[in-house]
Amino acid sequence: MRPTILFLDTNILLDMPRLEEYRLQNRAVTLVVIPEVMRELRGLSRAPQRGQAGSALLAIAPLDMLAQRRAGPSGILLGKSGVTVRILAGNPTDGITTDRQLVLRAGPEQRRNPGAMVAVVTKDWGVAEIARAEKVKSVLIRGNACSSELERGVAEHDSSLDIDI
């Protein structure tokens, strides 16, 4: 199977805050988290009235620890899980939504790694539509994100075509 590079939306990390849950059978997986998603998770962790503070805290804590470590351009391998995490540096971009940033960052990654399956993973139809417009693959999870749904979505969209949405 091809290497898999997944750009995670905030809503996916809220449902699956434990990074080891992203292991997929017979695949080398790289999870990419952009600064805008980190900012959203921090904000949600400080807003208990929205009911997502616990999940946001579970997600942001390991991501912050990984962001502090010195990592090469390929990211940090999580033990023997086969999952690599890459947290993109920089400050969130003002004026461009997180949804658009996910897609805009996945596009160049797709061009740099033509042999890999690069996709944005989200539960948001709007993000999937932005991805479609930009010719970037998206894995749209319906309902609660979990390992089996992620596995199904990745397998469904894994082809050598430029786009198969």
C-alpha atoms as a PDB file:
ATOM      1  CA  MET A   1       0.000   0.000   0.000  1.00  0.00           C
ATOM      2  CA  ARG A   2       1.027   3.569  -0.621  1.00  0.00           C
ATOM      3  CA  PRO A   3       2.247   5.855   2.150  1.00  0.00           C
ATOM      4  CA  THR A   4      -0.648   7.857   3.567  1.00  0.00           C
ATOM      5  CA  ILE A   5      -0.446  11.520   4.606  1.00  0.00           C
ATOM      6  CA  LEU A   6      -3.529  12.795   6.417  1.00  0.00           C
ATOM      7  CA  PHE A   7      -4.220  16.444   7.213  1.00  0.00           C
ATOM      8  CA  LEU A   8      -6.500  16.320  10.263  1.00  0.00           C
ATOM      9  CA  ASP A   9      -9.380  18.712  10.814  1.00  0.00           C
ATOM     10  CA  THR A  10     -10.192  19.825  14.356  1.00  0.00           C
ATOM     11  CA  ASN A  11     -13.436  17.823  14.434  1.00  0.00           C
ATOM     12  CA  ILE A  12     -11.531  14.587  13.768  1.00  0.00           C
ATOM     13  CA  LEU A  13      -9.068  15.246  16.596  1.00  0.00           C
ATOM     14  CA  LEU A  14     -11.976  15.941  18.959  1.00  0.00           C
ATOM     15  CA  ASP A  15     -13.470  12.523  18.173  1.00  0.00           C
ATOM     16  CA  MET A  16     -10.108  10.713  18.094  1.00  0.00           C
ATOM     17  CA  PRO A  17      -7.792  12.639  20.439  1.00  0.00           C
ATOM     18  CA  ARG A  18      -5.375   9.713  20.991  1.00  0.00           C
ATOM     19  CA  LEU A  19      -2.800   9.716  18.211  1.00  0.00           C
ATOM     20  CA  GLU A  20      -2.170   5.977  18.447  1.00  0.00           C
ATOM     21  CA  GLU A  21      -5.766   5.434  17.224  1.00  0.00           C
ATOM     22  CA  TYR A  22      -4.734   6.517  13.726  1.00  0.00           C
ATOM     23  CA  ARG A  23      -2.771   3.347  12.974  1.00  0.00           C
ATOM     24  CA  LEU A  24      -4.029   1.777   9.753  1.00  0.00           C
ATOM     25  CA  GLN A  25      -3.349  -1.796   8.695  1.00  0.00           C
ATOM     26  CA  ASN A  26      -0.467  -2.282   6.271  1.00  0.00           C
ATOM     27  CA  ARG A  27       0.138   1.470   5.893  1.00  0.00           C
ATOM     28  CA  ALA A  28       2.759   3.957   6.893  1.00  0.00           C
ATOM     29  CA  VAL A  29       0.650   6.884   8.122  1.00  0.00           C
ATOM     30  CA  THR A  30       1.762  10.481   8.605  1.00  0.00           C
ATOM     31  CA  LEU A  31      -0.639  12.756  10.461  1.00  0.00           C
ATOM     32  CA  VAL A  32      -0.256  16.457   9.717  1.00  0.00           C
ATOM     33  CA  VAL A  33      -1.628  19.098  12.075  1.00  0.00           C
ATOM     34  CA  ILE A  34      -1.611  22.730  10.960  1.00  0.00           C
ATOM     35  CA  PRO A  35      -1.236  25.783  13.253  1.00  0.00           C
ATOM     36  CA  GLU A  36      -4.865  26.795  12.729  1.00  0.00           C
ATOM     37  CA  VAL A  37      -6.087  23.440  14.063  1.00  0.00           C
ATOM     38  CA  MET A  38      -3.763  23.752  17.069  1.00  0.00           C
ATOM     39  CA  ARG A  39      -5.250  27.203  17.762  1.00  0.00           C
ATOM     40  CA  GLU A  40      -8.798  25.873  17.523  1.00  0.00           C
ATOM     41  CA  LEU A  41      -8.017  23.009  19.908  1.00  0.00           C
ATOM     42  CA  ARG A  42      -6.468  25.409  22.440  1.00  0.00           C
ATOM     43  CA  GLY A  43      -9.528  27.638  22.242  1.00  0.00           C
ATOM     44  CA  LEU A  44     -11.915  24.723  22.723  1.00  0.00           C
ATOM     45  CA  SER A  45      -9.871  23.439  25.680  1.00  0.00           C
ATOM     46  CA  ARG A  46     -10.501  26.756  27.434  1.00  0.00           C
ATOM     47  CA  ALA A  47     -14.244  26.830  26.718  1.00  0.00           C
ATOM     48  CA  PRO A  48     -15.935  24.196  28.889  1.00  0.00           C
ATOM     49  CA  GLN A  49     -19.366  25.639  28.076  1.00  0.00           C
ATOM     50  CA  ARG A  50     -19.055  24.252  24.532  1.00  0.00           C
ATOM     51  CA  GLY A  51     -18.796  20.711  25.886  1.00  0.00           C
ATOM     52  CA  GLN A  52     -15.600  19.854  24.021  1.00  0.00           C
ATOM     53  CA  ALA A  53     -12.960  20.956  26.525  1.00  0.00           C
ATOM     54  CA  GLY A  54     -12.136  17.419  27.651  1.00  0.00           C
ATOM     55  CA  SER A  55     -11.580  16.082  24.138  1.00  0.00           C
ATOM     56  CA  ALA A  56      -9.694  19.217  23.139  1.00  0.00           C
ATOM     57  CA  LEU A  57      -7.379  18.848  26.159  1.00  0.00           C
ATOM     58  CA  LEU A  58      -6.787  15.168  25.343  1.00  0.00           C
ATOM     59  CA  ALA A  59      -5.865  16.134  21.775  1.00  0.00           C
ATOM     60  CA  ILE A  60      -3.787  19.254  22.389  1.00  0.00           C
ATOM     61  CA  ALA A  61      -1.589  17.928  25.236  1.00  0.00           C
ATOM     62  CA  PRO A  62       0.340  15.318  23.199  1.00  0.00           C
ATOM     63  CA  LEU A  63       0.417  17.602  20.159  1.00  0.00           C
ATOM     64  CA  ASP A  64       1.996  20.392  22.215  1.00  0.00           C
ATOM     65  CA  MET A  65       4.583  17.944  23.589  1.00  0.00           C
ATOM     66  CA  LEU A  66       5.415  16.727  20.093  1.00  0.00           C
ATOM     67  CA  ALA A  67       5.637  20.294  18.807  1.00  0.00           C
ATOM     68  CA  GLN A  68       8.316  21.019  21.443  1.00  0.00           C
ATOM     69  CA  ARG A  69      10.512  18.140  20.267  1.00  0.00           C
ATOM     70  CA  ARG A  70      12.999  18.626  17.517  1.00  0.00           C
ATOM     71  CA  ALA A  71      11.684  16.763  14.541  1.00  0.00           C
ATOM     72  CA  GLY A  72      12.981  16.358  11.062  1.00  0.00           C
ATOM     73  CA  PRO A  73      10.882  17.359   8.079  1.00  0.00           C
ATOM     74  CA  SER A  74       9.237  13.946   8.042  1.00  0.00           C
ATOM     75  CA  GLY A  75       7.903  14.294  11.609  1.00  0.00           C
ATOM     76  CA  ILE A  76       8.094  12.179  14.768  1.00  0.00           C
ATOM     77  CA  LEU A  77       7.438   8.446  14.748  1.00  0.00           C
ATOM     78  CA  LEU A  78       5.164   7.345  17.614  1.00  0.00           C
ATOM     79  CA  GLY A  79       6.913   4.295  19.024  1.00  0.00           C
ATOM     80  CA  LYS A  80       6.282   1.139  17.026  1.00  0.00           C
ATOM     81  CA  SER A  81       2.825   2.199  15.903  1.00  0.00           C
ATOM     82  CA  GLY A  82       3.866   3.085  12.358  1.00  0.00           C
ATOM     83  CA  VAL A  83       2.233   6.485  12.827  1.00  0.00           C
ATOM     84  CA  THR A  84       4.306   9.613  12.265  1.00  0.00           C
ATOM     85  CA  VAL A  85       3.086  13.015  13.436  1.00  0.00           C
ATOM     86  CA  ARG A  86       4.130  16.231  11.760  1.00  0.00           C
ATOM     87  CA  ILE A  87       3.057  19.490  13.351  1.00  0.00           C
ATOM     88  CA  LEU A  88       3.545  22.329  10.935  1.00  0.00           C
ATOM     89  CA  ALA A  89       5.339  25.332  12.338  1.00  0.00           C
ATOM     90  CA  GLY A  90       4.225  28.884  12.037  1.00  0.00           C
ATOM     91  CA  ASN A  91       1.463  31.087  13.218  1.00  0.00           C
ATOM     92  CA  PRO A  92      -2.133  30.683  12.181  1.00  0.00           C
ATOM     93  CA  THR A  93      -2.885  32.674   9.051  1.00  0.00           C
ATOM     94  CA  ASP A  94      -5.325  35.504   9.655  1.00  0.00           C
ATOM     95  CA  GLY A  95      -8.028  36.079   7.096  1.00  0.00           C
ATOM     96  CA  ILE A  96      -8.014  32.523   5.752  1.00  0.00           C
ATOM     97  CA  THR A  97     -10.282  29.996   7.437  1.00  0.00           C
ATOM     98  CA  THR A  98      -8.936  26.829   8.984  1.00  0.00           C
ATOM     99  CA  ASP A  99     -10.964  24.850   6.459  1.00  0.00           C
ATOM    100  CA  ARG A 100      -9.278  26.577   3.525  1.00  0.00           C
ATOM    101  CA  GLN A 101      -5.830  26.342   5.153  1.00  0.00           C
ATOM    102  CA  LEU A 102      -6.184  22.561   5.487  1.00  0.00           C
ATOM    103  CA  VAL A 103      -6.804  22.262   1.771  1.00  0.00           C
ATOM    104  CA  LEU A 104      -4.219  24.866   0.750  1.00  0.00           C
ATOM    105  CA  ARG A 105      -1.520  23.023   2.719  1.00  0.00           C
ATOM    106  CA  ALA A 106      -2.531  19.570   1.505  1.00  0.00           C
ATOM    107  CA  GLY A 107      -2.341  20.558  -2.164  1.00  0.00           C
ATOM    108  CA  PRO A 108       1.437  21.246  -2.252  1.00  0.00           C
ATOM    109  CA  GLU A 109       2.043  18.123  -0.134  1.00  0.00           C
ATOM    110  CA  GLN A 110       0.214  16.109  -2.763  1.00  0.00           C
ATOM    111  CA  ARG A 111       2.453  17.542  -5.489  1.00  0.00           C
ATOM    112  CA  ARG A 112       5.648  16.902  -3.439  1.00  0.00           C
ATOM    113  CA  ASN A 113       4.658  13.274  -2.783  1.00  0.00           C
ATOM    114  CA  PRO A 114       3.047  11.972  -5.973  1.00  0.00           C
ATOM    115  CA  GLY A 115       3.345   8.350  -4.807  1.00  0.00           C
ATOM    116  CA  ALA A 116       1.532   8.967  -1.534  1.00  0.00           C
ATOM    117  CA  MET A 117      -2.160   9.140  -0.769  1.00  0.00           C
ATOM    118  CA  VAL A 118      -2.582  12.693   0.573  1.00  0.00           C
ATOM    119  CA  ALA A 119      -5.976  13.727   1.932  1.00  0.00           C
ATOM    120  CA  VAL A 120      -7.756  16.081   4.289  1.00  0.00           C
ATOM    121  CA  VAL A 121      -9.738  14.150   6.923  1.00  0.00           C
ATOM    122  CA  THR A 122     -12.865  15.895   8.153  1.00  0.00           C
ATOM    123  CA  LYS A 123     -16.473  15.522   9.248  1.00  0.00           C
ATOM    124  CA  ASP A 124     -17.373  18.836   7.576  1.00  0.00           C
ATOM    125  CA  TRP A 125     -19.049  18.769   4.144  1.00  0.00           C
ATOM    126  CA  GLY A 126     -17.833  22.339   3.557  1.00  0.00           C
ATOM    127  CA  VAL A 127     -14.202  21.259   3.882  1.00  0.00           C
ATOM    128  CA  ALA A 128     -14.814  18.363   1.493  1.00  0.00           C
ATOM    129  CA  GLU A 129     -16.297  20.800  -1.041  1.00  0.00           C
ATOM    130  CA  ILE A 130     -13.304  23.154  -0.750  1.00  0.00           C
ATOM    131  CA  ALA A 131     -11.015  20.165  -1.280  1.00  0.00           C
ATOM    132  CA  ARG A 132     -12.973  19.074  -4.341  1.00  0.00           C
ATOM    133  CA  ALA A 133     -12.706  22.573  -5.830  1.00  0.00           C
ATOM    134  CA  GLU A 134      -8.934  22.557  -5.253  1.00  0.00           C
ATOM    135  CA  LYS A 135      -8.494  18.980  -6.556  1.00  0.00           C
ATOM    136  CA  VAL A 136      -7.347  17.675  -3.178  1.00  0.00           C
ATOM    137  CA  LYS A 137      -8.609  14.374  -1.823  1.00  0.00           C
ATOM    138  CA  SER A 138     -10.772  14.403   1.261  1.00  0.00           C
ATOM    139  CA  VAL A 139     -11.910  11.631   3.541  1.00  0.00           C
ATOM    140  CA  LEU A 140     -15.323  12.649   4.822  1.00  0.00           C
ATOM    141  CA  ILE A 141     -16.216  10.793   8.016  1.00  0.00           C
ATOM    142  CA  ARG A 142     -19.905  10.439   8.685  1.00  0.00           C
ATOM    143  CA  GLY A 143     -20.965  10.307  12.308  1.00  0.00           C
ATOM    144  CA  ASN A 144     -18.434   9.801  15.068  1.00  0.00           C
ATOM    145  CA  ALA A 145     -14.838   9.442  13.848  1.00  0.00           C
ATOM    146  CA  CYS A 146     -13.226   6.158  14.831  1.00  0.00           C
ATOM    147  CA  SER A 147     -10.440   3.905  13.560  1.00  0.00           C
ATOM    148  CA  SER A 148     -12.726   1.711  11.473  1.00  0.00           C
ATOM    149  CA  GLU A 149     -14.376   4.701   9.782  1.00  0.00           C
ATOM    150  CA  LEU A 150     -10.968   6.217   9.074  1.00  0.00           C
ATOM    151  CA  GLU A 151      -9.723   2.922   7.627  1.00  0.00           C
ATOM    152  CA  ARG A 152     -12.828   2.662   5.430  1.00  0.00           C
ATOM    153  CA  GLY A 153     -12.543   6.250   4.220  1.00  0.00           C
ATOM    154  CA  VAL A 154      -8.850   6.009   3.392  1.00  0.00           C
ATOM    155  CA  ALA A 155      -9.306   2.717   1.516  1.00  0.00           C
ATOM    156  CA  GLU A 156     -12.238   4.183  -0.416  1.00  0.00           C
ATOM    157  CA  HIS A 157     -10.177   7.117  -1.672  1.00  0.00           C
ATOM    158  CA  ASP A 158      -6.829   5.409  -2.159  1.00  0.00           C
ATOM    159  CA  SER A 159      -6.130   5.281  -5.840  1.00  0.00           C
ATOM    160  CA  SER A 160      -3.408   6.585  -8.074  1.00  0.00           C
ATOM    161  CA  LEU A 161      -5.817   9.030  -9.739  1.00  0.00           C
ATOM    162  CA  ASP A 162      -5.194  12.718  -9.132  1.00  0.00           C
ATOM    163  CA  ILE A 163      -8.609  12.979  -7.577  1.00  0.00           C
ATOM    164  CA  ASP A 164     -11.311  10.420  -6.992  1.00  0.00           C
ATOM    165  CA  ILE A 165     -13.859  12.152  -4.840  1.00  0.00           C
END
